[in-house]
Structure formats: C-alpha cells, structure tokens
Amino acid sequence: SINFAQVALAFHIDDGEARVQMFASTVYAIVAASVGMAMVGAASVLAMMEPRYRKIFYQHRTFRTYVTEWHCTLATHSDLGIGRDACFAEVVSLFSPSYWPAPEMLRAWLAQWPEWERA
C-alpha cells in the first residue's frame, strides 16, 4: 500500500533527475483512486456483514483479550487436538506469559491436572 506522503517523498528524492517517469499529478490521481477504492471496499464489507458481527469486527481488543476470548473460551480445535483443553494447552505452550489468560482462569484449568494424569 502506498500513501500520499510516500509519493511526495519519492518526488522529493527524485529532485528533477527524471527517475520517476510519470507526472506528479498522475501519480497522485492513481493514489487517490486506489485510496477511494479501498474506502468503498471497506464500506461494502461493513454494509454486507451480518449486523450482529459489525460491532466485533472493528472493536479494539488487546492480543491478550483476543487470546482469552477466542482460544480459551470459544475455540474447540487446535494443532494439539480437539477440545477446549487442547486449545488452552496450545495457548500456554505457544504464547508468551504476557498473553496468557487471567491467573484465576489459568489456575482453574490447571486444577484439572490430577484428572489428566489418571487418563
């Protein structure tokens, strides 16, 4: 993706040496058209999306929140197996402790350890 600042910088660096073989106005028009098309595309995606999912599509979430909500509560399949325990195990094995779920949630999951050893 390119933006107007990058185009301006490119023409500034070129400094009349004619390495850029297009008029500045043409390049700016192309960038403006592509930005406009991207905006229309984004608006189309939001318009066609099922209304109940629009809110979560652009809602800000930290990576830790995402990991907790998706991998630890909703996901049912992971590379380690099928089921929530496998998904939780994947989080603990792949992600930094900074992104692990809340300590109480982790303690509750680890409390099942004796059952796993018996199985």
PDB file of N, CA and C in Angstrom:
ATOM      1  N   SER A   1       0.848  -1.177   0.000  1.00  0.00           N
ATOM      2  CA  SER A   1       0.000   0.000   0.000  1.00  0.00           C
ATOM      3  C   SER A   1       0.895   1.242   0.000  1.00  0.00           C
ATOM      4  N   ILE A   2       0.458   2.231  -0.692  1.00  0.00           N
ATOM      5  CA  ILE A   2       1.228   3.465  -0.801  1.00  0.00           C
ATOM      6  C   ILE A   2       0.351   4.627  -0.352  1.00  0.00           C
ATOM      7  N   ASN A   3       0.960   5.641   0.189  1.00  0.00           N
ATOM      8  CA  ASN A   3       0.175   6.796   0.608  1.00  0.00           C
ATOM      9  C   ASN A   3       0.771   8.079   0.038  1.00  0.00           C
ATOM     10  N   PHE A   4       0.091   9.166   0.281  1.00  0.00           N
ATOM     11  CA  PHE A   4       0.495  10.448  -0.299  1.00  0.00           C
ATOM     12  C   PHE A   4       1.869  10.908   0.195  1.00  0.00           C
ATOM     13  N   ALA A   5       2.176  10.628   1.450  1.00  0.00           N
ATOM     14  CA  ALA A   5       3.479  11.024   1.983  1.00  0.00           C
ATOM     15  C   ALA A   5       4.611  10.283   1.274  1.00  0.00           C
ATOM     16  N   GLN A   6       4.400   9.014   0.967  1.00  0.00           N
ATOM     17  CA  GLN A   6       5.424   8.245   0.252  1.00  0.00           C
ATOM     18  C   GLN A   6       5.633   8.789  -1.155  1.00  0.00           C
ATOM     19  N   VAL A   7       4.550   9.173  -1.809  1.00  0.00           N
ATOM     20  CA  VAL A   7       4.668   9.745  -3.154  1.00  0.00           C
ATOM     21  C   VAL A   7       5.427  11.060  -3.100  1.00  0.00           C
ATOM     22  N   ALA A   8       5.068  11.912  -2.138  1.00  0.00           N
ATOM     23  CA  ALA A   8       5.758  13.195  -2.004  1.00  0.00           C
ATOM     24  C   ALA A   8       7.242  12.986  -1.733  1.00  0.00           C
ATOM     25  N   LEU A   9       7.572  12.032  -0.872  1.00  0.00           N
ATOM     26  CA  LEU A   9       8.971  11.733  -0.577  1.00  0.00           C
ATOM     27  C   LEU A   9       9.701  11.232  -1.817  1.00  0.00           C
ATOM     28  N   ALA A  10       9.050  10.385  -2.593  1.00  0.00           N
ATOM     29  CA  ALA A  10       9.674   9.863  -3.810  1.00  0.00           C
ATOM     30  C   ALA A  10       9.986  10.993  -4.790  1.00  0.00           C
ATOM     31  N   PHE A  11       9.057  11.919  -4.960  1.00  0.00           N
ATOM     32  CA  PHE A  11       9.312  13.032  -5.871  1.00  0.00           C
ATOM     33  C   PHE A  11      10.364  13.984  -5.311  1.00  0.00           C
ATOM     34  N   HIS A  12      10.409  14.113  -3.987  1.00  0.00           N
ATOM     35  CA  HIS A  12      11.434  14.957  -3.368  1.00  0.00           C
ATOM     36  C   HIS A  12      12.824  14.334  -3.566  1.00  0.00           C
ATOM     37  N   ILE A  13      12.921  13.030  -3.368  1.00  0.00           N
ATOM     38  CA  ILE A  13      14.198  12.339  -3.551  1.00  0.00           C
ATOM     39  C   ILE A  13      14.628  12.385  -5.016  1.00  0.00           C
ATOM     40  N   ASP A  14      13.660  12.242  -5.921  1.00  0.00           N
ATOM     41  CA  ASP A  14      13.949  12.274  -7.359  1.00  0.00           C
ATOM     42  C   ASP A  14      14.586  13.613  -7.735  1.00  0.00           C
ATOM     43  N   ASP A  15      14.090  14.703  -7.184  1.00  0.00           N
ATOM     44  CA  ASP A  15      14.662  16.042  -7.323  1.00  0.00           C
ATOM     45  C   ASP A  15      14.992  16.410  -8.778  1.00  0.00           C
ATOM     46  N   GLY A  16      14.056  16.097  -9.674  1.00  0.00           N
ATOM     47  CA  GLY A  16      14.235  16.509 -11.057  1.00  0.00           C
ATOM     48  C   GLY A  16      15.164  15.652 -11.880  1.00  0.00           C
ATOM     49  N   GLU A  17      15.636  14.530 -11.383  1.00  0.00           N
ATOM     50  CA  GLU A  17      16.554  13.677 -12.140  1.00  0.00           C
ATOM     51  C   GLU A  17      15.815  12.748 -13.096  1.00  0.00           C
ATOM     52  N   ALA A  18      14.517  12.833 -13.141  1.00  0.00           N
ATOM     53  CA  ALA A  18      13.662  12.099 -14.074  1.00  0.00           C
ATOM     54  C   ALA A  18      13.737  10.579 -13.919  1.00  0.00           C
ATOM     55  N   ARG A  19      13.998  10.116 -12.701  1.00  0.00           N
ATOM     56  CA  ARG A  19      13.915   8.670 -12.473  1.00  0.00           C
ATOM     57  C   ARG A  19      12.458   8.240 -12.420  1.00  0.00           C
ATOM     58  N   VAL A  20      11.601   9.139 -11.940  1.00  0.00           N
ATOM     59  CA  VAL A  20      10.170   8.872 -11.938  1.00  0.00           C
ATOM     60  C   VAL A  20       9.647   9.312 -13.294  1.00  0.00           C
ATOM     61  N   GLN A  21       9.072   8.375 -14.038  1.00  0.00           N
ATOM     62  CA  GLN A  21       8.698   8.630 -15.425  1.00  0.00           C
ATOM     63  C   GLN A  21       7.243   9.055 -15.595  1.00  0.00           C
ATOM     64  N   MET A  22       6.607   9.512 -14.520  1.00  0.00           N
ATOM     65  CA  MET A  22       5.213   9.964 -14.598  1.00  0.00           C
ATOM     66  C   MET A  22       5.108  11.351 -13.993  1.00  0.00           C
ATOM     67  N   PHE A  23       4.092  12.088 -14.429  1.00  0.00           N
ATOM     68  CA  PHE A  23       3.837  13.392 -13.828  1.00  0.00           C
ATOM     69  C   PHE A  23       3.338  13.181 -12.398  1.00  0.00           C
ATOM     70  N   ALA A  24       3.690  14.105 -11.533  1.00  0.00           N
ATOM     71  CA  ALA A  24       3.256  14.006 -10.138  1.00  0.00           C
ATOM     72  C   ALA A  24       1.736  13.975 -10.038  1.00  0.00           C
ATOM     73  N   SER A  25       1.058  14.784 -10.857  1.00  0.00           N
ATOM     74  CA  SER A  25      -0.406  14.816 -10.789  1.00  0.00           C
ATOM     75  C   SER A  25      -1.009  13.455 -11.146  1.00  0.00           C
ATOM     76  N   THR A  26      -0.401  12.731 -12.077  1.00  0.00           N
ATOM     77  CA  THR A  26      -0.893  11.405 -12.459  1.00  0.00           C
ATOM     78  C   THR A  26      -0.708  10.421 -11.306  1.00  0.00           C
ATOM     79  N   VAL A  27       0.462  10.467 -10.689  1.00  0.00           N
ATOM     80  CA  VAL A  27       0.728   9.558  -9.573  1.00  0.00           C
ATOM     81  C   VAL A  27      -0.227   9.845  -8.417  1.00  0.00           C
ATOM     82  N   TYR A  28      -0.430  11.126  -8.089  1.00  0.00           N
ATOM     83  CA  TYR A  28      -1.358  11.478  -7.008  1.00  0.00           C
ATOM     84  C   TYR A  28      -2.778  11.046  -7.350  1.00  0.00           C
ATOM     85  N   ALA A  29      -3.179  11.148  -8.608  1.00  0.00           N
ATOM     86  CA  ALA A  29      -4.522  10.719  -9.015  1.00  0.00           C
ATOM     87  C   ALA A  29      -4.676   9.208  -8.847  1.00  0.00           C
ATOM     88  N   ILE A  30      -3.645   8.460  -9.201  1.00  0.00           N
ATOM     89  CA  ILE A  30      -3.689   6.996  -9.044  1.00  0.00           C
ATOM     90  C   ILE A  30      -3.796   6.630  -7.566  1.00  0.00           C
ATOM     91  N   VAL A  31      -3.012   7.302  -6.722  1.00  0.00           N
ATOM     92  CA  VAL A  31      -3.062   7.029  -5.283  1.00  0.00           C
ATOM     93  C   VAL A  31      -4.442   7.387  -4.730  1.00  0.00           C
ATOM     94  N   ALA A  32      -4.972   8.546  -5.143  1.00  0.00           N
ATOM     95  CA  ALA A  32      -6.298   8.961  -4.666  1.00  0.00           C
ATOM     96  C   ALA A  32      -7.367   7.956  -5.098  1.00  0.00           C
ATOM     97  N   ALA A  33      -7.283   7.478  -6.330  1.00  0.00           N
ATOM     98  CA  ALA A  33      -8.259   6.492  -6.805  1.00  0.00           C
ATOM     99  C   ALA A  33      -8.151   5.184  -6.024  1.00  0.00           C
ATOM    100  N   SER A  34      -6.930   4.739  -5.750  1.00  0.00           N
ATOM    101  CA  SER A  34      -6.774   3.485  -5.014  1.00  0.00           C
ATOM    102  C   SER A  34      -7.242   3.625  -3.564  1.00  0.00           C
ATOM    103  N   VAL A  35      -6.996   4.781  -2.955  1.00  0.00           N
ATOM    104  CA  VAL A  35      -7.496   5.013  -1.599  1.00  0.00           C
ATOM    105  C   VAL A  35      -9.020   5.027  -1.614  1.00  0.00           C
ATOM    106  N   GLY A  36      -9.589   5.680  -2.609  1.00  0.00           N
ATOM    107  CA  GLY A  36     -11.045   5.717  -2.725  1.00  0.00           C
ATOM    108  C   GLY A  36     -11.636   4.328  -2.903  1.00  0.00           C
ATOM    109  N   MET A  37     -10.989   3.508  -3.725  1.00  0.00           N
ATOM    110  CA  MET A  37     -11.478   2.141  -3.925  1.00  0.00           C
ATOM    111  C   MET A  37     -11.371   1.329  -2.639  1.00  0.00           C
ATOM    112  N   ALA A  38     -10.321   1.540  -1.887  1.00  0.00           N
ATOM    113  CA  ALA A  38     -10.170   0.834  -0.616  1.00  0.00           C
ATOM    114  C   ALA A  38     -11.268   1.239   0.367  1.00  0.00           C
ATOM    115  N   MET A  39     -11.599   2.525   0.378  1.00  0.00           N
ATOM    116  CA  MET A  39     -12.663   3.007   1.269  1.00  0.00           C
ATOM    117  C   MET A  39     -14.020   2.422   0.855  1.00  0.00           C
ATOM    118  N   VAL A  40     -14.279   2.378  -0.440  1.00  0.00           N
ATOM    119  CA  VAL A  40     -15.531   1.783  -0.923  1.00  0.00           C
ATOM    120  C   VAL A  40     -15.573   0.297  -0.563  1.00  0.00           C
ATOM    121  N   GLY A  41     -14.448  -0.382  -0.704  1.00  0.00           N
ATOM    122  CA  GLY A  41     -14.381  -1.793  -0.337  1.00  0.00           C
ATOM    123  C   GLY A  41     -14.657  -2.016   1.137  1.00  0.00           C
ATOM    124  N   ALA A  42     -14.051  -1.189   1.989  1.00  0.00           N
ATOM    125  CA  ALA A  42     -14.271  -1.320   3.437  1.00  0.00           C
ATOM    126  C   ALA A  42     -15.727  -1.039   3.788  1.00  0.00           C
ATOM    127  N   ALA A  43     -16.301  -0.019   3.173  1.00  0.00           N
ATOM    128  CA  ALA A  43     -17.708   0.298   3.420  1.00  0.00           C
ATOM    129  C   ALA A  43     -18.608  -0.840   2.944  1.00  0.00           C
ATOM    130  N   SER A  44     -18.270  -1.448   1.817  1.00  0.00           N
ATOM    131  CA  SER A  44     -19.057  -2.571   1.297  1.00  0.00           C
ATOM    132  C   SER A  44     -18.999  -3.771   2.241  1.00  0.00           C
ATOM    133  N   VAL A  45     -17.811  -4.035   2.766  1.00  0.00           N
ATOM    134  CA  VAL A  45     -17.665  -5.153   3.708  1.00  0.00           C
ATOM    135  C   VAL A  45     -18.548  -4.919   4.925  1.00  0.00           C
ATOM    136  N   LEU A  46     -18.507  -3.725   5.480  1.00  0.00           N
ATOM    137  CA  LEU A  46     -19.325  -3.422   6.655  1.00  0.00           C
ATOM    138  C   LEU A  46     -20.814  -3.451   6.327  1.00  0.00           C
ATOM    139  N   ALA A  47     -21.184  -2.984   5.133  1.00  0.00           N
ATOM    140  CA  ALA A  47     -22.596  -2.957   4.756  1.00  0.00           C
ATOM    141  C   ALA A  47     -23.142  -4.367   4.531  1.00  0.00           C
ATOM    142  N   MET A  48     -22.329  -5.250   3.973  1.00  0.00           N
ATOM    143  CA  MET A  48     -22.800  -6.598   3.661  1.00  0.00           C
ATOM    144  C   MET A  48     -22.678  -7.562   4.848  1.00  0.00           C
ATOM    145  N   MET A  49     -21.943  -7.151   5.875  1.00  0.00           N
ATOM    146  CA  MET A  49     -21.722  -8.010   7.029  1.00  0.00           C
ATOM    147  C   MET A  49     -23.016  -8.154   7.831  1.00  0.00           C
ATOM    148  N   GLU A  50     -23.182  -9.306   8.405  1.00  0.00           N
ATOM    149  CA  GLU A  50     -24.341  -9.517   9.263  1.00  0.00           C
ATOM    150  C   GLU A  50     -24.285  -8.520  10.417  1.00  0.00           C
ATOM    151  N   PRO A  51     -25.371  -7.779  10.673  1.00  0.00           N
ATOM    152  CA  PRO A  51     -25.338  -6.687  11.654  1.00  0.00           C
ATOM    153  C   PRO A  51     -24.808  -7.057  13.037  1.00  0.00           C
ATOM    154  N   ARG A  52     -25.088  -8.259  13.501  1.00  0.00           N
ATOM    155  CA  ARG A  52     -24.639  -8.608  14.856  1.00  0.00           C
ATOM    156  C   ARG A  52     -23.120  -8.747  14.952  1.00  0.00           C
ATOM    157  N   TYR A  53     -22.432  -8.906  13.810  1.00  0.00           N
ATOM    158  CA  TYR A  53     -20.978  -9.046  13.831  1.00  0.00           C
ATOM    159  C   TYR A  53     -20.241  -7.739  13.554  1.00  0.00           C
ATOM    160  N   ARG A  54     -20.943  -6.698  13.154  1.00  0.00           N
ATOM    161  CA  ARG A  54     -20.273  -5.429  12.843  1.00  0.00           C
ATOM    162  C   ARG A  54     -19.528  -4.867  14.046  1.00  0.00           C
ATOM    163  N   LYS A  55     -20.152  -4.951  15.197  1.00  0.00           N
ATOM    164  CA  LYS A  55     -19.549  -4.372  16.399  1.00  0.00           C
ATOM    165  C   LYS A  55     -18.207  -5.029  16.722  1.00  0.00           C
ATOM    166  N   ILE A  56     -18.131  -6.343  16.624  1.00  0.00           N
ATOM    167  CA  ILE A  56     -16.884  -7.013  16.988  1.00  0.00           C
ATOM    168  C   ILE A  56     -15.867  -6.976  15.865  1.00  0.00           C
ATOM    169  N   PHE A  57     -16.285  -6.624  14.656  1.00  0.00           N
ATOM    170  CA  PHE A  57     -15.361  -6.559  13.530  1.00  0.00           C
ATOM    171  C   PHE A  57     -14.311  -5.475  13.741  1.00  0.00           C
ATOM    172  N   TYR A  58     -14.706  -4.346  14.274  1.00  0.00           N
ATOM    173  CA  TYR A  58     -13.756  -3.249  14.445  1.00  0.00           C
ATOM    174  C   TYR A  58     -13.558  -2.852  15.904  1.00  0.00           C
ATOM    175  N   GLN A  59     -14.029  -3.658  16.833  1.00  0.00           N
ATOM    176  CA  GLN A  59     -13.859  -3.361  18.251  1.00  0.00           C
ATOM    177  C   GLN A  59     -12.403  -3.562  18.665  1.00  0.00           C
ATOM    178  N   HIS A  60     -11.854  -2.604  19.409  1.00  0.00           N
ATOM    179  CA  HIS A  60     -10.461  -2.717  19.837  1.00  0.00           C
ATOM    180  C   HIS A  60     -10.326  -3.808  20.895  1.00  0.00           C
ATOM    181  N   ARG A  61      -9.369  -4.678  20.690  1.00  0.00           N
ATOM    182  CA  ARG A  61      -9.054  -5.709  21.667  1.00  0.00           C
ATOM    183  C   ARG A  61      -7.545  -5.875  21.724  1.00  0.00           C
ATOM    184  N   THR A  62      -7.037  -6.018  22.918  1.00  0.00           N
ATOM    185  CA  THR A  62      -5.617  -6.321  23.039  1.00  0.00           C
ATOM    186  C   THR A  62      -5.415  -7.774  22.625  1.00  0.00           C
ATOM    187  N   PHE A  63      -4.188  -8.131  22.341  1.00  0.00           N
ATOM    188  CA  PHE A  63      -3.925  -9.511  21.939  1.00  0.00           C
ATOM    189  C   PHE A  63      -4.251 -10.473  23.075  1.00  0.00           C
ATOM    190  N   ARG A  64      -4.003 -10.056  24.295  1.00  0.00           N
ATOM    191  CA  ARG A  64      -4.307 -10.909  25.447  1.00  0.00           C
ATOM    192  C   ARG A  64      -5.810 -11.156  25.539  1.00  0.00           C
ATOM    193  N   THR A  65      -6.608 -10.112  25.320  1.00  0.00           N
ATOM    194  CA  THR A  65      -8.063 -10.260  25.342  1.00  0.00           C
ATOM    195  C   THR A  65      -8.516 -11.203  24.233  1.00  0.00           C
ATOM    196  N   TYR A  66      -7.941 -11.036  23.057  1.00  0.00           N
ATOM    197  CA  TYR A  66      -8.285 -11.914  21.940  1.00  0.00           C
ATOM    198  C   TYR A  66      -7.952 -13.367  22.275  1.00  0.00           C
ATOM    199  N   VAL A  67      -6.765 -13.613  22.808  1.00  0.00           N
ATOM    200  CA  VAL A  67      -6.352 -14.974  23.147  1.00  0.00           C
ATOM    201  C   VAL A  67      -7.308 -15.573  24.174  1.00  0.00           C
ATOM    202  N   THR A  68      -7.655 -14.776  25.186  1.00  0.00           N
ATOM    203  CA  THR A  68      -8.553 -15.277  26.227  1.00  0.00           C
ATOM    204  C   THR A  68      -9.935 -15.581  25.661  1.00  0.00           C
ATOM    205  N   GLU A  69     -10.480 -14.630  24.887  1.00  0.00           N
ATOM    206  CA  GLU A  69     -11.840 -14.813  24.375  1.00  0.00           C
ATOM    207  C   GLU A  69     -11.921 -15.912  23.327  1.00  0.00           C
ATOM    208  N   TRP A  70     -10.961 -15.963  22.430  1.00  0.00           N
ATOM    209  CA  TRP A  70     -11.073 -16.938  21.352  1.00  0.00           C
ATOM    210  C   TRP A  70     -10.468 -18.280  21.730  1.00  0.00           C
ATOM    211  N   HIS A  71      -9.189 -18.310  22.004  1.00  0.00           N
ATOM    212  CA  HIS A  71      -8.505 -19.586  22.207  1.00  0.00           C
ATOM    213  C   HIS A  71      -8.921 -20.297  23.491  1.00  0.00           C
ATOM    214  N   CYS A  72      -9.246 -19.539  24.525  1.00  0.00           N
ATOM    215  CA  CYS A  72      -9.506 -20.180  25.818  1.00  0.00           C
ATOM    216  C   CYS A  72     -10.980 -20.390  26.119  1.00  0.00           C
ATOM    217  N   THR A  73     -11.876 -19.752  25.382  1.00  0.00           N
ATOM    218  CA  THR A  73     -13.296 -19.931  25.693  1.00  0.00           C
ATOM    219  C   THR A  73     -14.132 -20.394  24.511  1.00  0.00           C
ATOM    220  N   LEU A  74     -13.772 -20.018  23.286  1.00  0.00           N
ATOM    221  CA  LEU A  74     -14.612 -20.345  22.134  1.00  0.00           C
ATOM    222  C   LEU A  74     -14.060 -21.449  21.239  1.00  0.00           C
ATOM    223  N   ALA A  75     -12.766 -21.500  21.078  1.00  0.00           N
ATOM    224  CA  ALA A  75     -12.166 -22.454  20.141  1.00  0.00           C
ATOM    225  C   ALA A  75     -12.369 -23.891  20.620  1.00  0.00           C
ATOM    226  N   THR A  76     -12.541 -24.788  19.661  1.00  0.00           N
ATOM    227  CA  THR A  76     -12.718 -26.197  20.006  1.00  0.00           C
ATOM    228  C   THR A  76     -11.683 -27.095  19.336  1.00  0.00           C
ATOM    229  N   HIS A  77     -10.894 -26.542  18.413  1.00  0.00           N
ATOM    230  CA  HIS A  77      -9.861 -27.320  17.725  1.00  0.00           C
ATOM    231  C   HIS A  77      -8.545 -26.545  17.752  1.00  0.00           C
ATOM    232  N   SER A  78      -7.462 -27.258  17.874  1.00  0.00           N
ATOM    233  CA  SER A  78      -6.147 -26.628  17.809  1.00  0.00           C
ATOM    234  C   SER A  78      -5.177 -27.623  17.188  1.00  0.00           C
ATOM    235  N   ASP A  79      -3.940 -27.195  17.023  1.00  0.00           N
ATOM    236  CA  ASP A  79      -2.915 -28.103  16.482  1.00  0.00           C
ATOM    237  C   ASP A  79      -2.607 -29.250  17.444  1.00  0.00           C
ATOM    238  N   LEU A  80      -2.933 -29.062  18.721  1.00  0.00           N
ATOM    239  CA  LEU A  80      -2.637 -30.090  19.714  1.00  0.00           C
ATOM    240  C   LEU A  80      -3.757 -31.107  19.873  1.00  0.00           C
ATOM    241  N   GLY A  81      -4.927 -30.820  19.315  1.00  0.00           N
ATOM    242  CA  GLY A  81      -6.027 -31.773  19.428  1.00  0.00           C
ATOM    243  C   GLY A  81      -7.380 -31.097  19.385  1.00  0.00           C
ATOM    244  N   ILE A  82      -8.385 -31.846  19.797  1.00  0.00           N
ATOM    245  CA  ILE A  82      -9.762 -31.363  19.788  1.00  0.00           C
ATOM    246  C   ILE A  82     -10.215 -31.153  21.221  1.00  0.00           C
ATOM    247  N   GLY A  83     -10.921 -30.069  21.448  1.00  0.00           N
ATOM    248  CA  GLY A  83     -11.455 -29.765  22.771  1.00  0.00           C
ATOM    249  C   GLY A  83     -10.823 -28.513  23.360  1.00  0.00           C
ATOM    250  N   ARG A  84     -11.492 -27.995  24.360  1.00  0.00           N
ATOM    251  CA  ARG A  84     -11.029 -26.752  24.990  1.00  0.00           C
ATOM    252  C   ARG A  84      -9.695 -26.933  25.700  1.00  0.00           C
ATOM    253  N   ASP A  85      -9.486 -28.099  26.288  1.00  0.00           N
ATOM    254  CA  ASP A  85      -8.212 -28.331  26.966  1.00  0.00           C
ATOM    255  C   ASP A  85      -7.050 -28.259  25.984  1.00  0.00           C
ATOM    256  N   ALA A  86      -7.235 -28.803  24.805  1.00  0.00           N
ATOM    257  CA  ALA A  86      -6.178 -28.738  23.792  1.00  0.00           C
ATOM    258  C   ALA A  86      -5.925 -27.296  23.364  1.00  0.00           C
ATOM    259  N   CYS A  87      -6.997 -26.517  23.230  1.00  0.00           N
ATOM    260  CA  CYS A  87      -6.846 -25.106  22.850  1.00  0.00           C
ATOM    261  C   CYS A  87      -6.125 -24.325  23.936  1.00  0.00           C
ATOM    262  N   PHE A  88      -6.493 -24.588  25.171  1.00  0.00           N
ATOM    263  CA  PHE A  88      -5.845 -23.908  26.293  1.00  0.00           C
ATOM    264  C   PHE A  88      -4.377 -24.304  26.363  1.00  0.00           C
ATOM    265  N   ALA A  89      -4.094 -25.582  26.162  1.00  0.00           N
ATOM    266  CA  ALA A  89      -2.708 -26.059  26.190  1.00  0.00           C
ATOM    267  C   ALA A  89      -1.893 -25.398  25.090  1.00  0.00           C
ATOM    268  N   GLU A  90      -2.512 -25.186  23.950  1.00  0.00           N
ATOM    269  CA  GLU A  90      -1.809 -24.519  22.853  1.00  0.00           C
ATOM    270  C   GLU A  90      -1.444 -23.085  23.229  1.00  0.00           C
ATOM    271  N   VAL A  91      -2.345 -22.384  23.902  1.00  0.00           N
ATOM    272  CA  VAL A  91      -2.073 -21.021  24.340  1.00  0.00           C
ATOM    273  C   VAL A  91      -0.874 -21.009  25.282  1.00  0.00           C
ATOM    274  N   VAL A  92      -0.879 -21.903  26.248  1.00  0.00           N
ATOM    275  CA  VAL A  92       0.191 -21.931  27.242  1.00  0.00           C
ATOM    276  C   VAL A  92       1.522 -22.337  26.609  1.00  0.00           C
ATOM    277  N   SER A  93       1.467 -23.204  25.608  1.00  0.00           N
ATOM    278  CA  SER A  93       2.719 -23.669  25.017  1.00  0.00           C
ATOM    279  C   SER A  93       3.270 -22.727  23.944  1.00  0.00           C
ATOM    280  N   LEU A  94       2.403 -21.977  23.263  1.00  0.00           N
ATOM    281  CA  LEU A  94       2.868 -21.147  22.149  1.00  0.00           C
ATOM    282  C   LEU A  94       3.075 -19.673  22.489  1.00  0.00           C
ATOM    283  N   PHE A  95       2.264 -19.144  23.380  1.00  0.00           N
ATOM    284  CA  PHE A  95       2.305 -17.714  23.629  1.00  0.00           C
ATOM    285  C   PHE A  95       3.137 -17.367  24.858  1.00  0.00           C
ATOM    286  N   SER A  96       3.640 -16.147  24.853  1.00  0.00           N
ATOM    287  CA  SER A  96       4.378 -15.623  25.999  1.00  0.00           C
ATOM    288  C   SER A  96       3.429 -15.509  27.194  1.00  0.00           C
ATOM    289  N   PRO A  97       3.939 -15.660  28.422  1.00  0.00           N
ATOM    290  CA  PRO A  97       3.075 -15.493  29.595  1.00  0.00           C
ATOM    291  C   PRO A  97       2.351 -14.142  29.629  1.00  0.00           C
ATOM    292  N   SER A  98       2.878 -13.157  28.932  1.00  0.00           N
ATOM    293  CA  SER A  98       2.209 -11.849  28.875  1.00  0.00           C
ATOM    294  C   SER A  98       0.838 -11.947  28.237  1.00  0.00           C
ATOM    295  N   TYR A  99       0.641 -12.968  27.403  1.00  0.00           N
ATOM    296  CA  TYR A  99      -0.623 -13.107  26.684  1.00  0.00           C
ATOM    297  C   TYR A  99      -1.497 -14.231  27.224  1.00  0.00           C
ATOM    298  N   TRP A 100      -1.061 -14.890  28.270  1.00  0.00           N
ATOM    299  CA  TRP A 100      -1.877 -15.935  28.868  1.00  0.00           C
ATOM    300  C   TRP A 100      -3.121 -15.315  29.483  1.00  0.00           C
ATOM    301  N   PRO A 101      -4.165 -16.107  29.664  1.00  0.00           N
ATOM    302  CA  PRO A 101      -5.375 -15.587  30.299  1.00  0.00           C
ATOM    303  C   PRO A 101      -5.127 -15.216  31.755  1.00  0.00           C
ATOM    304  N   ALA A 102      -6.137 -14.653  32.370  1.00  0.00           N
ATOM    305  CA  ALA A 102      -6.033 -14.209  33.767  1.00  0.00           C
ATOM    306  C   ALA A 102      -5.587 -15.367  34.656  1.00  0.00           C
ATOM    307  N   PRO A 103      -4.828 -15.055  35.715  1.00  0.00           N
ATOM    308  CA  PRO A 103      -4.316 -16.112  36.602  1.00  0.00           C
ATOM    309  C   PRO A 103      -5.399 -17.029  37.165  1.00  0.00           C
ATOM    310  N   GLU A 104      -6.581 -16.470  37.493  1.00  0.00           N
ATOM    311  CA  GLU A 104      -7.635 -17.336  38.042  1.00  0.00           C
ATOM    312  C   GLU A 104      -8.105 -18.352  37.011  1.00  0.00           C
ATOM    313  N   MET A 105      -8.183 -17.930  35.760  1.00  0.00           N
ATOM    314  CA  MET A 105      -8.600 -18.837  34.688  1.00  0.00           C
ATOM    315  C   MET A 105      -7.540 -19.930  34.479  1.00  0.00           C
ATOM    316  N   LEU A 106      -6.289 -19.538  34.555  1.00  0.00           N
ATOM    317  CA  LEU A 106      -5.197 -20.496  34.407  1.00  0.00           C
ATOM    318  C   LEU A 106      -5.181 -21.494  35.562  1.00  0.00           C
ATOM    319  N   ARG A 107      -5.396 -20.990  36.793  1.00  0.00           N
ATOM    320  CA  ARG A 107      -5.437 -21.874  37.964  1.00  0.00           C
ATOM    321  C   ARG A 107      -6.584 -22.877  37.854  1.00  0.00           C
ATOM    322  N   ALA A 108      -7.753 -22.410  37.413  1.00  0.00           N
ATOM    323  CA  ALA A 108      -8.910 -23.298  37.273  1.00  0.00           C
ATOM    324  C   ALA A 108      -8.622 -24.393  36.244  1.00  0.00           C
ATOM    325  N   TRP A 109      -7.953 -24.026  35.171  1.00  0.00           N
ATOM    326  CA  TRP A 109      -7.623 -25.019  34.142  1.00  0.00           C
ATOM    327  C   TRP A 109      -6.598 -26.028  34.667  1.00  0.00           C
ATOM    328  N   LEU A 110      -5.577 -25.514  35.367  1.00  0.00           N
ATOM    329  CA  LEU A 110      -4.537 -26.406  35.898  1.00  0.00           C
ATOM    330  C   LEU A 110      -5.036 -27.273  37.047  1.00  0.00           C
ATOM    331  N   ALA A 111      -6.154 -26.895  37.671  1.00  0.00           N
ATOM    332  CA  ALA A 111      -6.722 -27.701  38.752  1.00  0.00           C
ATOM    333  C   ALA A 111      -7.176 -29.067  38.237  1.00  0.00           C
ATOM    334  N   GLN A 112      -7.342 -29.205  36.933  1.00  0.00           N
ATOM    335  CA  GLN A 112      -7.758 -30.476  36.331  1.00  0.00           C
ATOM    336  C   GLN A 112      -6.574 -31.437  36.138  1.00  0.00           C
ATOM    337  N   TRP A 113      -5.387 -31.031  36.516  1.00  0.00           N
ATOM    338  CA  TRP A 113      -4.185 -31.832  36.277  1.00  0.00           C
ATOM    339  C   TRP A 113      -4.302 -33.272  36.789  1.00  0.00           C
ATOM    340  N   PRO A 114      -4.786 -33.492  38.035  1.00  0.00           N
ATOM    341  CA  PRO A 114      -4.887 -34.881  38.518  1.00  0.00           C
ATOM    342  C   PRO A 114      -5.761 -35.757  37.604  1.00  0.00           C
ATOM    343  N   GLU A 115      -6.828 -35.184  37.051  1.00  0.00           N
ATOM    344  CA  GLU A 115      -7.698 -35.948  36.150  1.00  0.00           C
ATOM    345  C   GLU A 115      -6.937 -36.349  34.881  1.00  0.00           C
ATOM    346  N   TRP A 116      -6.111 -35.444  34.375  1.00  0.00           N
ATOM    347  CA  TRP A 116      -5.354 -35.723  33.164  1.00  0.00           C
ATOM    348  C   TRP A 116      -4.324 -36.821  33.409  1.00  0.00           C
ATOM    349  N   GLU A 117      -3.713 -36.806  34.596  1.00  0.00           N
ATOM    350  CA  GLU A 117      -2.712 -37.830  34.892  1.00  0.00           C
ATOM    351  C   GLU A 117      -3.343 -39.219  34.971  1.00  0.00           C
ATOM    352  N   ARG A 118      -4.582 -39.273  35.457  1.00  0.00           N
ATOM    353  CA  ARG A 118      -5.285 -40.541  35.556  1.00  0.00           C
ATOM    354  C   ARG A 118      -5.716 -41.072  34.193  1.00  0.00           C
ATOM    355  N   ALA A 119      -5.949 -40.151  33.268  1.00  0.00           N
ATOM    356  CA  ALA A 119      -6.486 -40.560  31.958  1.00  0.00           C
ATOM    357  C   ALA A 119      -5.457 -41.209  31.068  1.00  0.00           C
TER     358      ALA A 119
END
